[in-house]
Every structure is written in structure tokens, then in C-alpha cells.
Amino acid sequence: MLWICGCEERSKKIDNPRDYPRPPERILCPSCGDVTSTVYKKSYGRFWFCFIPCCCKTSASDPYLACINCGQHINPITMNACKNCGLTTTFKSNNCPSCGQPKDRL
């Protein structure tokens, strides 16, 4: 007899968590390179048995920022915003990649 079981991780969009800052509306995603907005997501682990998901969640992550376009995790620790156009980036640079003006740290 063959028994098939496994674990799977999925992410789900959530509302802005309490005591978290609002997600940036214009950000240059480091994964896909698009200027897009972000949302908060949570990842959940599930156990499945014979291709049937079990009702219990095995794990849950803390809320994190994710790109709306590609869904990849965005590190909020080093966000920099442009004074001129408001574009936020996650990398250090002296000038905005969109308009060329100096940036301020958030």
C-alpha cells in the first residue's frame, strides 16, 4: 500500500496589522524590478495526507511586506524614500532611480 503525505506553505494577504506602519504605495521591488505597491501577507504551513489537506495549520509566519506584482517578500528594515517623487527602495543609494533626486531615510 502506498501512503502519500507532505507539507505545503501558502501565503495569504491580510489587513494592515496593528502597530505596523502602512505599506509603501510606490516601491521599486528588488525581485521583479517593477514600481508597484506592497501588501502585508502571512505564510501558513499545512500538512496533507493522500492529497487531502488536513484542517490544522502547522505553522504561521509573522506578517511581512510583499510585492503586489510578484508576491516576493520585501525587507522593510532598509527602506529609503525619495523627497521628490515618493518612490521607496530597499537598497542604499544617494539618488532616486526614478527621478534622480537625493533620498531621505524613512
Protein backbone atom coordinates (compact mmCIF):
# COMPACT_ATOMS: atom_id res chain seq x y z
CA MET A 1 0.00 0.00 0.00
CA LEU A 2 1.29 3.49 -0.84
CA TRP A 3 0.76 6.39 1.59
CA ILE A 4 1.46 9.89 0.36
CA CYS A 5 1.77 12.81 2.75
CA GLY A 6 3.60 16.11 2.84
CA CYS A 7 3.74 19.74 3.90
CA GLU A 8 2.94 22.82 1.87
CA GLU A 9 3.40 26.53 2.54
CA ARG A 10 1.00 29.16 1.21
CA SER A 11 0.72 32.89 1.74
CA LYS A 12 -2.41 34.95 2.27
CA LYS A 13 -3.00 38.71 2.01
CA ILE A 14 -4.00 40.26 5.33
CA ASP A 15 -5.18 43.68 6.50
CA ASN A 16 -2.67 46.13 7.94
CA PRO A 17 -1.59 44.54 11.26
CA ARG A 18 -1.94 46.54 14.45
CA ASP A 19 1.19 48.53 15.39
CA TYR A 20 2.68 48.05 11.91
CA PRO A 21 3.34 51.02 9.58
CA ARG A 22 1.25 51.48 6.45
CA PRO A 23 2.77 49.62 3.50
CA PRO A 24 4.54 51.83 0.91
CA GLU A 25 2.39 52.66 -2.11
CA ARG A 26 5.27 53.19 -4.58
CA ILE A 27 8.24 50.88 -4.17
CA LEU A 28 10.88 49.52 -6.52
CA CYS A 29 10.65 45.76 -5.98
CA PRO A 30 14.12 44.19 -5.66
CA SER A 31 12.84 40.88 -7.10
CA CYS A 32 10.86 41.84 -10.21
CA GLY A 33 12.17 45.41 -10.74
CA ASP A 34 8.70 46.96 -11.15
CA VAL A 35 7.49 50.13 -9.44
CA THR A 36 4.49 48.79 -7.56
CA SER A 37 2.73 48.87 -4.19
CA THR A 38 3.01 46.42 -1.32
CA VAL A 39 0.64 44.46 0.91
CA TYR A 40 1.02 42.60 4.17
CA LYS A 41 0.96 38.82 3.91
CA LYS A 42 1.23 35.86 6.25
CA SER A 43 2.56 32.42 5.33
CA TYR A 44 0.88 29.28 6.62
CA GLY A 45 2.17 25.73 6.61
CA ARG A 46 -0.28 22.87 6.05
CA PHE A 47 0.02 19.13 6.33
CA TRP A 48 -1.71 16.97 3.74
CA PHE A 49 -2.36 13.26 3.61
CA CYS A 50 -3.20 11.39 0.38
CA PHE A 51 -3.60 14.72 -1.46
CA ILE A 52 -6.21 15.92 1.07
CA PRO A 53 -5.23 18.99 3.14
CA CYS A 54 -5.73 18.46 6.85
CA CYS A 55 -7.77 21.04 8.72
CA CYS A 56 -4.97 22.20 11.01
CA LYS A 57 -2.29 24.73 10.13
CA THR A 58 1.15 23.51 11.15
CA SER A 59 2.84 26.93 11.30
CA ALA A 60 2.24 30.62 10.66
CA SER A 61 4.74 33.40 9.97
CA ASP A 62 4.75 36.93 11.28
CA PRO A 63 3.20 39.50 8.91
CA TYR A 64 5.59 40.63 6.18
CA LEU A 65 5.58 43.07 3.26
CA ALA A 66 5.20 41.56 -0.20
CA CYS A 67 5.19 42.97 -3.73
CA ILE A 68 1.72 43.03 -5.31
CA ASN A 69 3.18 42.13 -8.70
CA CYS A 70 5.41 39.11 -7.94
CA GLY A 71 4.43 38.28 -4.33
CA GLN A 72 8.03 38.17 -3.08
CA HIS A 73 8.99 39.16 0.47
CA ILE A 74 10.35 42.74 0.77
CA ASN A 75 12.68 43.58 3.65
CA PRO A 76 11.26 46.71 5.37
CA ILE A 77 14.34 47.45 7.52
CA THR A 78 16.34 49.50 5.00
CA MET A 79 13.62 51.39 3.13
CA ASN A 80 14.59 54.76 1.64
CA ALA A 81 12.09 57.25 0.21
CA CYS A 82 12.63 59.93 -2.42
CA LYS A 83 11.80 63.50 -1.33
CA ASN A 84 10.67 64.44 -4.83
CA CYS A 85 8.56 61.56 -6.24
CA GLY A 86 7.95 59.36 -3.14
CA LEU A 87 9.43 56.19 -4.67
CA THR A 88 10.68 53.82 -1.96
CA THR A 89 13.64 51.50 -2.48
CA THR A 90 15.11 48.75 -0.31
CA PHE A 91 18.71 49.42 -1.29
CA LYS A 92 21.08 52.21 -0.35
CA SER A 93 21.79 54.85 -2.97
CA ASN A 94 22.27 58.60 -2.91
CA ASN A 95 19.78 59.36 -5.67
CA CYS A 96 16.35 58.10 -6.68
CA PRO A 97 16.43 55.63 -9.61
CA SER A 98 13.19 57.15 -10.91
CA CYS A 99 13.76 60.93 -10.85
CA GLY A 100 17.44 61.34 -9.86
CA GLN A 101 16.83 63.47 -6.75
CA PRO A 102 18.51 62.80 -3.32
CA LYS A 103 16.62 60.45 -0.99
CA ASP A 104 15.71 60.65 2.72
CA ARG A 105 15.73 57.68 5.04
CA LEU A 106 12.32 56.61 6.37
